[in-house]
Amino acid sequence: MRRLLLLCALLLSLFLSGCSSKEEGPKPIEKSYFYFSGKAKDVKISIDNGVKFGVIASKKSVYSIDAGEHVMEIYRNNQMILKYEFVFEKDKVKEIVLQ
């Protein structure tokens, strides 16, 4: 009888150890990256109608963005020179050439 109880307790503990719930938290945001090359003097950009900001044209100045589609407006001397919908892929780096 004692052996039967020990065997049942062992089987029950093995069964319960296999039953676990996985808590899935929020998925990490997938990021993409871009940088500018070319003539960046007096250039500002706006992404998805956000606030304009100045940029530096260099491979060392890499900007991060959520992966997916984004509309980028590029201004030089406060005049829009380009409005384009870019598709940024996860973990990829995109070069944007300013002329």
PDB file of N, CA and C in Angstrom:
ATOM      1  N   MET A   1       0.815  -1.185   0.000  1.00  0.00           N
ATOM      2  CA  MET A   1       0.000   0.000   0.000  1.00  0.00           C
ATOM      3  C   MET A   1       0.866   1.260   0.000  1.00  0.00           C
ATOM      4  N   ARG A   2       1.915   1.184   0.789  1.00  0.00           N
ATOM      5  CA  ARG A   2       2.813   2.335   0.886  1.00  0.00           C
ATOM      6  C   ARG A   2       3.474   2.609  -0.461  1.00  0.00           C
ATOM      7  N   ARG A   3       3.875   1.522  -1.133  1.00  0.00           N
ATOM      8  CA  ARG A   3       4.498   1.667  -2.445  1.00  0.00           C
ATOM      9  C   ARG A   3       3.512   2.263  -3.453  1.00  0.00           C
ATOM     10  N   LEU A   4       2.264   1.864  -3.355  1.00  0.00           N
ATOM     11  CA  LEU A   4       1.243   2.378  -4.258  1.00  0.00           C
ATOM     12  C   LEU A   4       1.044   3.875  -4.054  1.00  0.00           C
ATOM     13  N   LEU A   5       1.035   4.322  -2.798  1.00  0.00           N
ATOM     14  CA  LEU A   5       0.904   5.747  -2.506  1.00  0.00           C
ATOM     15  C   LEU A   5       2.113   6.532  -3.021  1.00  0.00           C
ATOM     16  N   LEU A   6       3.304   5.967  -2.825  1.00  0.00           N
ATOM     17  CA  LEU A   6       4.504   6.639  -3.323  1.00  0.00           C
ATOM     18  C   LEU A   6       4.498   6.711  -4.849  1.00  0.00           C
ATOM     19  N   LEU A   7       4.071   5.648  -5.484  1.00  0.00           N
ATOM     20  CA  LEU A   7       3.989   5.621  -6.936  1.00  0.00           C
ATOM     21  C   LEU A   7       2.968   6.643  -7.440  1.00  0.00           C
ATOM     22  N   CYS A   8       1.815   6.728  -6.801  1.00  0.00           N
ATOM     23  CA  CYS A   8       0.791   7.717  -7.174  1.00  0.00           C
ATOM     24  C   CYS A   8       1.301   9.136  -6.969  1.00  0.00           C
ATOM     25  N   ALA A   9       1.988   9.374  -5.865  1.00  0.00           N
ATOM     26  CA  ALA A   9       2.533  10.704  -5.595  1.00  0.00           C
ATOM     27  C   ALA A   9       3.579  11.076  -6.642  1.00  0.00           C
ATOM     28  N   LEU A  10       4.413  10.109  -7.034  1.00  0.00           N
ATOM     29  CA  LEU A  10       5.429  10.354  -8.051  1.00  0.00           C
ATOM     30  C   LEU A  10       4.783  10.662  -9.395  1.00  0.00           C
ATOM     31  N   LEU A  11       3.797   9.851  -9.786  1.00  0.00           N
ATOM     32  CA  LEU A  11       3.109  10.085 -11.056  1.00  0.00           C
ATOM     33  C   LEU A  11       2.373  11.422 -11.060  1.00  0.00           C
ATOM     34  N   LEU A  12       1.755  11.768  -9.941  1.00  0.00           N
ATOM     35  CA  LEU A  12       1.046  13.038  -9.829  1.00  0.00           C
ATOM     36  C   LEU A  12       2.012  14.212  -9.935  1.00  0.00           C
ATOM     37  N   SER A  13       3.157  14.117  -9.306  1.00  0.00           N
ATOM     38  CA  SER A  13       4.131  15.210  -9.371  1.00  0.00           C
ATOM     39  C   SER A  13       4.700  15.345 -10.784  1.00  0.00           C
ATOM     40  N   LEU A  14       4.931  14.215 -11.474  1.00  0.00           N
ATOM     41  CA  LEU A  14       5.391  14.273 -12.861  1.00  0.00           C
ATOM     42  C   LEU A  14       4.333  14.899 -13.762  1.00  0.00           C
ATOM     43  N   PHE A  15       3.085  14.536 -13.544  1.00  0.00           N
ATOM     44  CA  PHE A  15       1.998  15.094 -14.339  1.00  0.00           C
ATOM     45  C   PHE A  15       1.880  16.600 -14.127  1.00  0.00           C
ATOM     46  N   LEU A  16       1.922  17.022 -12.863  1.00  0.00           N
ATOM     47  CA  LEU A  16       1.767  18.448 -12.558  1.00  0.00           C
ATOM     48  C   LEU A  16       2.964  19.272 -13.027  1.00  0.00           C
ATOM     49  N   SER A  17       4.142  18.676 -13.053  1.00  0.00           N
ATOM     50  CA  SER A  17       5.306  19.429 -13.515  1.00  0.00           C
ATOM     51  C   SER A  17       5.235  19.675 -15.024  1.00  0.00           C
ATOM     52  N   GLY A  18       4.542  18.817 -15.745  1.00  0.00           N
ATOM     53  CA  GLY A  18       4.370  19.005 -17.182  1.00  0.00           C
ATOM     54  C   GLY A  18       3.301  20.030 -17.502  1.00  0.00           C
ATOM     55  N   CYS A  19       2.425  20.303 -16.570  1.00  0.00           N
ATOM     56  CA  CYS A  19       1.355  21.289 -16.785  1.00  0.00           C
ATOM     57  C   CYS A  19       1.836  22.645 -16.287  1.00  0.00           C
ATOM     58  N   SER A  20       2.108  23.501 -17.197  1.00  0.00           N
ATOM     59  CA  SER A  20       2.513  24.840 -16.791  1.00  0.00           C
ATOM     60  C   SER A  20       1.884  25.839 -17.734  1.00  0.00           C
ATOM     61  N   SER A  21       1.694  27.005 -17.243  1.00  0.00           N
ATOM     62  CA  SER A  21       1.125  28.047 -18.105  1.00  0.00           C
ATOM     63  C   SER A  21       2.233  29.004 -18.497  1.00  0.00           C
ATOM     64  N   LYS A  22       2.257  29.314 -19.789  1.00  0.00           N
ATOM     65  CA  LYS A  22       3.230  30.280 -20.269  1.00  0.00           C
ATOM     66  C   LYS A  22       2.582  31.640 -20.264  1.00  0.00           C
ATOM     67  N   GLU A  23       3.196  32.546 -19.584  1.00  0.00           N
ATOM     68  CA  GLU A  23       2.701  33.916 -19.610  1.00  0.00           C
ATOM     69  C   GLU A  23       3.401  34.633 -20.747  1.00  0.00           C
ATOM     70  N   GLU A  24       2.612  35.042 -21.701  1.00  0.00           N
ATOM     71  CA  GLU A  24       3.187  35.775 -22.818  1.00  0.00           C
ATOM     72  C   GLU A  24       2.992  37.255 -22.572  1.00  0.00           C
ATOM     73  N   GLY A  25       4.087  37.940 -22.449  1.00  0.00           N
ATOM     74  CA  GLY A  25       4.030  39.372 -22.271  1.00  0.00           C
ATOM     75  C   GLY A  25       3.898  40.058 -23.609  1.00  0.00           C
ATOM     76  N   PRO A  26       4.008  41.341 -23.609  1.00  0.00           N
ATOM     77  CA  PRO A  26       3.927  42.063 -24.875  1.00  0.00           C
ATOM     78  C   PRO A  26       5.089  41.687 -25.782  1.00  0.00           C
ATOM     79  N   LYS A  27       4.790  41.579 -27.068  1.00  0.00           N
ATOM     80  CA  LYS A  27       5.836  41.236 -28.027  1.00  0.00           C
ATOM     81  C   LYS A  27       6.761  42.430 -28.194  1.00  0.00           C
ATOM     82  N   PRO A  28       8.047  42.171 -28.325  1.00  0.00           N
ATOM     83  CA  PRO A  28       8.971  43.292 -28.520  1.00  0.00           C
ATOM     84  C   PRO A  28       8.688  43.960 -29.866  1.00  0.00           C
ATOM     85  N   ILE A  29       8.879  45.252 -29.904  1.00  0.00           N
ATOM     86  CA  ILE A  29       8.665  46.014 -31.134  1.00  0.00           C
ATOM     87  C   ILE A  29       9.795  45.700 -32.097  1.00  0.00           C
ATOM     88  N   GLU A  30       9.416  45.329 -33.306  1.00  0.00           N
ATOM     89  CA  GLU A  30      10.417  45.019 -34.323  1.00  0.00           C
ATOM     90  C   GLU A  30      10.961  46.327 -34.877  1.00  0.00           C
ATOM     91  N   LYS A  31      12.263  46.459 -34.896  1.00  0.00           N
ATOM     92  CA  LYS A  31      12.913  47.695 -35.311  1.00  0.00           C
ATOM     93  C   LYS A  31      13.598  47.542 -36.659  1.00  0.00           C
ATOM     94  N   SER A  32      13.711  48.654 -37.332  1.00  0.00           N
ATOM     95  CA  SER A  32      14.455  48.776 -38.564  1.00  0.00           C
ATOM     96  C   SER A  32      15.324  50.016 -38.410  1.00  0.00           C
ATOM     97  N   TYR A  33      16.246  50.219 -39.338  1.00  0.00           N
ATOM     98  CA  TYR A  33      17.201  51.312 -39.191  1.00  0.00           C
ATOM     99  C   TYR A  33      17.430  51.991 -40.543  1.00  0.00           C
ATOM    100  N   PHE A  34      17.771  53.272 -40.486  1.00  0.00           N
ATOM    101  CA  PHE A  34      18.100  53.980 -41.713  1.00  0.00           C
ATOM    102  C   PHE A  34      19.138  55.048 -41.414  1.00  0.00           C
ATOM    103  N   TYR A  35      19.822  55.455 -42.476  1.00  0.00           N
ATOM    104  CA  TYR A  35      20.770  56.556 -42.369  1.00  0.00           C
ATOM    105  C   TYR A  35      20.714  57.350 -43.663  1.00  0.00           C
ATOM    106  N   PHE A  36      21.229  58.559 -43.597  1.00  0.00           N
ATOM    107  CA  PHE A  36      21.238  59.442 -44.755  1.00  0.00           C
ATOM    108  C   PHE A  36      22.645  59.560 -45.307  1.00  0.00           C
ATOM    109  N   SER A  37      22.722  59.730 -46.623  1.00  0.00           N
ATOM    110  CA  SER A  37      23.986  60.051 -47.271  1.00  0.00           C
ATOM    111  C   SER A  37      23.706  61.190 -48.249  1.00  0.00           C
ATOM    112  N   GLY A  38      24.740  61.874 -48.653  1.00  0.00           N
ATOM    113  CA  GLY A  38      24.559  62.977 -49.598  1.00  0.00           C
ATOM    114  C   GLY A  38      24.565  64.324 -48.901  1.00  0.00           C
ATOM    115  N   LYS A  39      23.783  65.242 -49.445  1.00  0.00           N
ATOM    116  CA  LYS A  39      23.764  66.634 -48.974  1.00  0.00           C
ATOM    117  C   LYS A  39      22.668  66.833 -47.926  1.00  0.00           C
ATOM    118  N   ALA A  40      23.073  66.911 -46.687  1.00  0.00           N
ATOM    119  CA  ALA A  40      22.106  67.053 -45.597  1.00  0.00           C
ATOM    120  C   ALA A  40      22.036  68.467 -45.035  1.00  0.00           C
ATOM    121  N   LYS A  41      22.742  69.392 -45.648  1.00  0.00           N
ATOM    122  CA  LYS A  41      22.732  70.769 -45.138  1.00  0.00           C
ATOM    123  C   LYS A  41      21.326  71.355 -45.259  1.00  0.00           C
ATOM    124  N   ASP A  42      20.844  71.933 -44.185  1.00  0.00           N
ATOM    125  CA  ASP A  42      19.516  72.560 -44.096  1.00  0.00           C
ATOM    126  C   ASP A  42      18.376  71.578 -44.368  1.00  0.00           C
ATOM    127  N   VAL A  43      18.586  70.293 -44.091  1.00  0.00           N
ATOM    128  CA  VAL A  43      17.554  69.281 -44.312  1.00  0.00           C
ATOM    129  C   VAL A  43      16.907  68.914 -42.983  1.00  0.00           C
ATOM    130  N   LYS A  44      15.582  68.817 -43.013  1.00  0.00           N
ATOM    131  CA  LYS A  44      14.812  68.315 -41.878  1.00  0.00           C
ATOM    132  C   LYS A  44      13.847  67.283 -42.420  1.00  0.00           C
ATOM    133  N   ILE A  45      13.499  66.322 -41.569  1.00  0.00           N
ATOM    134  CA  ILE A  45      12.540  65.313 -42.001  1.00  0.00           C
ATOM    135  C   ILE A  45      11.396  65.216 -41.001  1.00  0.00           C
ATOM    136  N   SER A  46      10.299  64.698 -41.494  1.00  0.00           N
ATOM    137  CA  SER A  46       9.131  64.413 -40.672  1.00  0.00           C
ATOM    138  C   SER A  46       8.685  63.001 -41.036  1.00  0.00           C
ATOM    139  N   ILE A  47       8.438  62.200 -40.036  1.00  0.00           N
ATOM    140  CA  ILE A  47       7.999  60.822 -40.262  1.00  0.00           C
ATOM    141  C   ILE A  47       6.571  60.682 -39.753  1.00  0.00           C
ATOM    142  N   ASP A  48       5.687  60.224 -40.628  1.00  0.00           N
ATOM    143  CA  ASP A  48       4.277  60.018 -40.292  1.00  0.00           C
ATOM    144  C   ASP A  48       3.653  61.283 -39.692  1.00  0.00           C
ATOM    145  N   ASN A  49       3.908  62.411 -40.326  1.00  0.00           N
ATOM    146  CA  ASN A  49       3.373  63.721 -39.905  1.00  0.00           C
ATOM    147  C   ASN A  49       3.825  64.122 -38.502  1.00  0.00           C
ATOM    148  N   GLY A  50       4.979  63.639 -38.093  1.00  0.00           N
ATOM    149  CA  GLY A  50       5.517  63.993 -36.779  1.00  0.00           C
ATOM    150  C   GLY A  50       6.283  65.302 -36.836  1.00  0.00           C
ATOM    151  N   VAL A  51       6.958  65.607 -35.769  1.00  0.00           N
ATOM    152  CA  VAL A  51       7.740  66.832 -35.653  1.00  0.00           C
ATOM    153  C   VAL A  51       8.962  66.744 -36.573  1.00  0.00           C
ATOM    154  N   LYS A  52       9.278  67.839 -37.244  1.00  0.00           N
ATOM    155  CA  LYS A  52      10.462  67.883 -38.107  1.00  0.00           C
ATOM    156  C   LYS A  52      11.719  67.889 -37.245  1.00  0.00           C
ATOM    157  N   PHE A  53      12.752  67.211 -37.742  1.00  0.00           N
ATOM    158  CA  PHE A  53      14.031  67.240 -37.047  1.00  0.00           C
ATOM    159  C   PHE A  53      15.158  67.213 -38.058  1.00  0.00           C
ATOM    160  N   GLY A  54      16.282  67.815 -37.679  1.00  0.00           N
ATOM    161  CA  GLY A  54      17.454  67.857 -38.539  1.00  0.00           C
ATOM    162  C   GLY A  54      18.163  66.514 -38.568  1.00  0.00           C
ATOM    163  N   VAL A  55      18.894  66.278 -39.656  1.00  0.00           N
ATOM    164  CA  VAL A  55      19.585  65.001 -39.813  1.00  0.00           C
ATOM    165  C   VAL A  55      21.055  65.228 -40.127  1.00  0.00           C
ATOM    166  N   ILE A  56      21.826  64.179 -39.941  1.00  0.00           N
ATOM    167  CA  ILE A  56      23.254  64.169 -40.268  1.00  0.00           C
ATOM    168  C   ILE A  56      23.457  63.084 -41.315  1.00  0.00           C
ATOM    169  N   ALA A  57      24.133  63.414 -42.389  1.00  0.00           N
ATOM    170  CA  ALA A  57      24.396  62.434 -43.447  1.00  0.00           C
ATOM    171  C   ALA A  57      25.692  61.699 -43.133  1.00  0.00           C
ATOM    172  N   SER A  58      25.549  60.493 -42.580  1.00  0.00           N
ATOM    173  CA  SER A  58      26.702  59.689 -42.223  1.00  0.00           C
ATOM    174  C   SER A  58      26.234  58.275 -41.892  1.00  0.00           C
ATOM    175  N   LYS A  59      27.043  57.287 -42.238  1.00  0.00           N
ATOM    176  CA  LYS A  59      26.728  55.906 -41.855  1.00  0.00           C
ATOM    177  C   LYS A  59      26.804  55.728 -40.349  1.00  0.00           C
ATOM    178  N   LYS A  60      27.483  56.657 -39.679  1.00  0.00           N
ATOM    179  CA  LYS A  60      27.622  56.577 -38.227  1.00  0.00           C
ATOM    180  C   LYS A  60      26.392  57.121 -37.504  1.00  0.00           C
ATOM    181  N   SER A  61      25.546  57.885 -38.213  1.00  0.00           N
ATOM    182  CA  SER A  61      24.321  58.437 -37.624  1.00  0.00           C
ATOM    183  C   SER A  61      23.136  57.607 -38.094  1.00  0.00           C
ATOM    184  N   VAL A  62      22.904  56.518 -37.398  1.00  0.00           N
ATOM    185  CA  VAL A  62      21.845  55.592 -37.774  1.00  0.00           C
ATOM    186  C   VAL A  62      20.617  55.864 -36.904  1.00  0.00           C
ATOM    187  N   TYR A  63      19.473  55.960 -37.551  1.00  0.00           N
ATOM    188  CA  TYR A  63      18.213  56.226 -36.876  1.00  0.00           C
ATOM    189  C   TYR A  63      17.413  54.925 -36.821  1.00  0.00           C
ATOM    190  N   SER A  64      16.681  54.718 -35.727  1.00  0.00           N
ATOM    191  CA  SER A  64      15.844  53.519 -35.618  1.00  0.00           C
ATOM    192  C   SER A  64      14.386  53.905 -35.817  1.00  0.00           C
ATOM    193  N   ILE A  65      13.617  52.942 -36.326  1.00  0.00           N
ATOM    194  CA  ILE A  65      12.203  53.159 -36.599  1.00  0.00           C
ATOM    195  C   ILE A  65      11.504  51.820 -36.469  1.00  0.00           C
ATOM    196  N   ASP A  66      10.223  51.845 -36.121  1.00  0.00           N
ATOM    197  CA  ASP A  66       9.464  50.598 -36.076  1.00  0.00           C
ATOM    198  C   ASP A  66       9.381  50.028 -37.487  1.00  0.00           C
ATOM    199  N   ALA A  67       9.541  48.726 -37.608  1.00  0.00           N
ATOM    200  CA  ALA A  67       9.442  48.084 -38.920  1.00  0.00           C
ATOM    201  C   ALA A  67       8.034  48.287 -39.474  1.00  0.00           C
ATOM    202  N   GLY A  68       7.944  48.399 -40.796  1.00  0.00           N
ATOM    203  CA  GLY A  68       6.649  48.588 -41.451  1.00  0.00           C
ATOM    204  C   GLY A  68       6.679  49.776 -42.388  1.00  0.00           C
ATOM    205  N   GLU A  69       5.497  50.210 -42.799  1.00  0.00           N
ATOM    206  CA  GLU A  69       5.382  51.322 -43.739  1.00  0.00           C
ATOM    207  C   GLU A  69       5.317  52.651 -42.997  1.00  0.00           C
ATOM    208  N   HIS A  70       6.060  53.616 -43.494  1.00  0.00           N
ATOM    209  CA  HIS A  70       6.074  54.962 -42.917  1.00  0.00           C
ATOM    210  C   HIS A  70       6.178  55.986 -44.038  1.00  0.00           C
ATOM    211  N   VAL A  71       5.487  57.104 -43.865  1.00  0.00           N
ATOM    212  CA  VAL A  71       5.591  58.199 -44.816  1.00  0.00           C
ATOM    213  C   VAL A  71       6.633  59.177 -44.292  1.00  0.00           C
ATOM    214  N   MET A  72       7.632  59.442 -45.123  1.00  0.00           N
ATOM    215  CA  MET A  72       8.702  60.353 -44.747  1.00  0.00           C
ATOM    216  C   MET A  72       8.641  61.579 -45.654  1.00  0.00           C
ATOM    217  N   GLU A  73       8.618  62.742 -45.033  1.00  0.00           N
ATOM    218  CA  GLU A  73       8.663  64.002 -45.761  1.00  0.00           C
ATOM    219  C   GLU A  73      10.020  64.626 -45.510  1.00  0.00           C
ATOM    220  N   ILE A  74      10.704  64.984 -46.580  1.00  0.00           N
ATOM    221  CA  ILE A  74      12.043  65.566 -46.467  1.00  0.00           C
ATOM    222  C   ILE A  74      11.975  67.007 -46.947  1.00  0.00           C
ATOM    223  N   TYR A  75      12.477  67.909 -46.103  1.00  0.00           N
ATOM    224  CA  TYR A  75      12.443  69.344 -46.379  1.00  0.00           C
ATOM    225  C   TYR A  75      13.865  69.884 -46.477  1.00  0.00           C
ATOM    226  N   ARG A  76      14.066  70.801 -47.386  1.00  0.00           N
ATOM    227  CA  ARG A  76      15.313  71.562 -47.456  1.00  0.00           C
ATOM    228  C   ARG A  76      14.914  73.030 -47.482  1.00  0.00           C
ATOM    229  N   ASN A  77      15.477  73.810 -46.552  1.00  0.00           N
ATOM    230  CA  ASN A  77      15.125  75.229 -46.411  1.00  0.00           C
ATOM    231  C   ASN A  77      13.610  75.412 -46.312  1.00  0.00           C
ATOM    232  N   ASN A  78      12.977  74.566 -45.516  1.00  0.00           N
ATOM    233  CA  ASN A  78      11.528  74.582 -45.255  1.00  0.00           C
ATOM    234  C   ASN A  78      10.662  74.331 -46.481  1.00  0.00           C
ATOM    235  N   GLN A  79      11.210  73.824 -47.560  1.00  0.00           N
ATOM    236  CA  GLN A  79      10.429  73.428 -48.726  1.00  0.00           C
ATOM    237  C   GLN A  79      10.503  71.911 -48.859  1.00  0.00           C
ATOM    238  N   MET A  80       9.339  71.284 -49.048  1.00  0.00           N
ATOM    239  CA  MET A  80       9.328  69.834 -49.182  1.00  0.00           C
ATOM    240  C   MET A  80       9.986  69.446 -50.508  1.00  0.00           C
ATOM    241  N   ILE A  81      10.998  68.583 -50.405  1.00  0.00           N
ATOM    242  CA  ILE A  81      11.666  68.122 -51.624  1.00  0.00           C
ATOM    243  C   ILE A  81      11.308  66.670 -51.941  1.00  0.00           C
ATOM    244  N   LEU A  82      10.754  65.957 -50.958  1.00  0.00           N
ATOM    245  CA  LEU A  82      10.371  64.577 -51.202  1.00  0.00           C
ATOM    246  C   LEU A  82       9.337  64.145 -50.174  1.00  0.00           C
ATOM    247  N   LYS A  83       8.307  63.473 -50.665  1.00  0.00           N
ATOM    248  CA  LYS A  83       7.338  62.812 -49.785  1.00  0.00           C
ATOM    249  C   LYS A  83       7.218  61.403 -50.333  1.00  0.00           C
ATOM    250  N   TYR A  84       7.572  60.430 -49.510  1.00  0.00           N
ATOM    251  CA  TYR A  84       7.665  59.065 -50.015  1.00  0.00           C
ATOM    252  C   TYR A  84       7.252  58.087 -48.921  1.00  0.00           C
ATOM    253  N   GLU A  85       6.597  57.003 -49.338  1.00  0.00           N
ATOM    254  CA  GLU A  85       6.242  55.947 -48.398  1.00  0.00           C
ATOM    255  C   GLU A  85       7.309  54.867 -48.455  1.00  0.00           C
ATOM    256  N   PHE A  86       8.048  54.747 -47.375  1.00  0.00           N
ATOM    257  CA  PHE A  86       9.108  53.755 -47.272  1.00  0.00           C
ATOM    258  C   PHE A  86       8.577  52.526 -46.552  1.00  0.00           C
ATOM    259  N   VAL A  87       9.081  51.361 -46.927  1.00  0.00           N
ATOM    260  CA  VAL A  87       8.797  50.130 -46.205  1.00  0.00           C
ATOM    261  C   VAL A  87      10.094  49.721 -45.525  1.00  0.00           C
ATOM    262  N   PHE A  88      10.071  49.713 -44.216  1.00  0.00           N
ATOM    263  CA  PHE A  88      11.241  49.362 -43.426  1.00  0.00           C
ATOM    264  C   PHE A  88      11.080  47.929 -42.938  1.00  0.00           C
ATOM    265  N   GLU A  89      12.033  47.085 -43.300  1.00  0.00           N
ATOM    266  CA  GLU A  89      11.999  45.680 -42.917  1.00  0.00           C
ATOM    267  C   GLU A  89      12.719  45.468 -41.585  1.00  0.00           C
ATOM    268  N   LYS A  90      12.235  44.497 -40.844  1.00  0.00           N
ATOM    269  CA  LYS A  90      12.796  44.181 -39.526  1.00  0.00           C
ATOM    270  C   LYS A  90      14.294  43.902 -39.631  1.00  0.00           C
ATOM    271  N   ASP A  91      15.054  44.547 -38.766  1.00  0.00           N
ATOM    272  CA  ASP A  91      16.503  44.348 -38.629  1.00  0.00           C
ATOM    273  C   ASP A  91      17.299  44.674 -39.888  1.00  0.00           C
ATOM    274  N   LYS A  92      16.747  45.474 -40.773  1.00  0.00           N
ATOM    275  CA  LYS A  92      17.451  45.882 -41.992  1.00  0.00           C
ATOM    276  C   LYS A  92      17.850  47.347 -41.876  1.00  0.00           C
ATOM    277  N   VAL A  93      18.920  47.717 -42.588  1.00  0.00           N
ATOM    278  CA  VAL A  93      19.386  49.100 -42.607  1.00  0.00           C
ATOM    279  C   VAL A  93      19.167  49.637 -44.016  1.00  0.00           C
ATOM    280  N   LYS A  94      18.519  50.795 -44.109  1.00  0.00           N
ATOM    281  CA  LYS A  94      18.206  51.406 -45.401  1.00  0.00           C
ATOM    282  C   LYS A  94      18.975  52.721 -45.533  1.00  0.00           C
ATOM    283  N   GLU A  95      19.575  52.929 -46.681  1.00  0.00           N
ATOM    284  CA  GLU A  95      20.260  54.185 -46.974  1.00  0.00           C
ATOM    285  C   GLU A  95      19.294  55.102 -47.730  1.00  0.00           C
ATOM    286  N   ILE A  96      19.186  56.337 -47.290  1.00  0.00           N
ATOM    287  CA  ILE A  96      18.368  57.337 -47.967  1.00  0.00           C
ATOM    288  C   ILE A  96      19.324  58.405 -48.476  1.00  0.00           C
ATOM    289  N   VAL A  97      19.392  58.534 -49.797  1.00  0.00           N
ATOM    290  CA  VAL A  97      20.336  59.457 -50.440  1.00  0.00           C
ATOM    291  C   VAL A  97      19.680  60.818 -50.619  1.00  0.00           C
ATOM    292  N   LEU A  98      20.310  61.842 -50.087  1.00  0.00           N
ATOM    293  CA  LEU A  98      19.844  63.217 -50.249  1.00  0.00           C
ATOM    294  C   LEU A  98      20.651  63.888 -51.340  1.00  0.00           C
ATOM    295  N   GLN A  99      19.953  64.479 -52.301  1.00  0.00           N
ATOM    296  CA  GLN A  99      20.651  65.146 -53.407  1.00  0.00           C
ATOM    297  C   GLN A  99      20.367  66.613 -53.422  1.00  0.00           C
TER     298      GLN A  99
END
